[in-house]
Protein backbone atom coordinates (compact mmCIF):
# COMPACT_ATOMS: atom_id res chain seq x y z
CA UNK A 1 -65.97 183.94 -60.18
CA UNK A 2 -66.28 181.16 -57.49
CA UNK A 3 -67.88 177.93 -58.79
CA UNK A 4 -69.85 177.25 -55.73
CA UNK A 5 -71.21 180.61 -55.76
CA UNK A 6 -72.07 180.88 -59.48
CA UNK A 7 -73.98 177.37 -59.26
CA UNK A 8 -76.55 178.43 -56.30
CA UNK A 9 -79.75 178.65 -57.38
CA UNK A 10 -82.34 176.86 -59.57
CA UNK A 11 -81.50 173.96 -61.73
CA UNK A 12 -83.06 173.03 -65.02
CA UNK A 13 -84.59 169.79 -66.14
CA UNK A 14 -83.54 168.13 -69.38
CA UNK A 15 -86.55 169.57 -71.17
CA UNK A 16 -85.96 173.09 -69.57
CA UNK A 17 -82.37 172.97 -70.23
CA UNK A 18 -82.97 171.94 -74.08
CA UNK A 19 -85.60 174.93 -74.39
CA UNK A 20 -82.75 177.08 -72.93
CA UNK A 21 -80.01 176.40 -75.40
CA UNK A 22 -82.37 175.72 -78.32
CA UNK A 23 -82.56 172.14 -78.98
CA UNK A 24 -84.84 169.08 -78.41
CA UNK A 25 -84.50 167.18 -75.23
CA UNK A 26 -83.65 163.88 -76.84
CA UNK A 27 -80.56 165.75 -78.79
CA UNK A 28 -79.46 166.97 -75.36
CA UNK A 29 -79.69 163.57 -73.93
CA UNK A 30 -77.48 162.04 -77.13
CA UNK A 31 -74.86 164.70 -76.82
CA UNK A 32 -74.85 163.98 -73.15
CA UNK A 33 -74.33 160.37 -73.91
CA UNK A 34 -71.77 161.30 -76.27
CA UNK A 35 -69.86 163.46 -73.99
CA UNK A 36 -70.45 166.52 -76.01
CA UNK A 37 -73.12 168.12 -73.61
CA UNK A 38 -73.07 170.67 -71.11
CA UNK A 39 -71.85 169.77 -67.68
CA UNK A 40 -74.90 168.02 -65.81
CA UNK A 41 -75.39 166.32 -62.54
CA UNK A 42 -77.73 163.98 -61.03
CA UNK A 43 -80.40 165.13 -58.57
CA UNK A 44 -82.60 161.74 -57.79
CA UNK A 45 -83.05 160.24 -60.90
CA UNK A 46 -82.99 163.37 -63.08
CA UNK A 47 -80.06 165.02 -64.83
CA UNK A 48 -80.03 168.63 -64.00
CA UNK A 49 -78.40 171.44 -65.36
CA UNK A 50 -77.20 174.89 -63.88
CA UNK A 51 -77.93 177.86 -66.28
CA UNK A 52 -74.22 179.14 -65.69
CA UNK A 53 -72.90 175.81 -67.39
CA UNK A 54 -75.26 176.26 -70.14
CA UNK A 55 -74.02 179.59 -70.87
CA UNK A 56 -70.33 178.37 -70.76
CA UNK A 57 -71.10 175.20 -72.92
CA UNK A 58 -72.96 177.58 -75.54
CA UNK A 59 -70.25 180.19 -75.40
CA UNK A 60 -67.48 177.43 -76.08
CA UNK A 61 -69.79 175.94 -79.07
CA UNK A 62 -69.76 179.70 -80.70
CA UNK A 63 -65.99 179.86 -80.57
CA UNK A 64 -65.60 176.38 -81.85
CA UNK A 65 -68.07 176.97 -84.78
């Protein structure tokens, strides 16, 4: 799947992304700072996430756990 195609569409804020993956927003922020969180990028002053990146991150965690 082409990354540019997969990453089109809405983005999720940290709060929305945390709900999506079943974590608290602060936990997701800490994981991001530690380099252990899902791929994100800055949109203005917000860190935002594409759902496809969250899905990949969750799948990797399932394999490792």
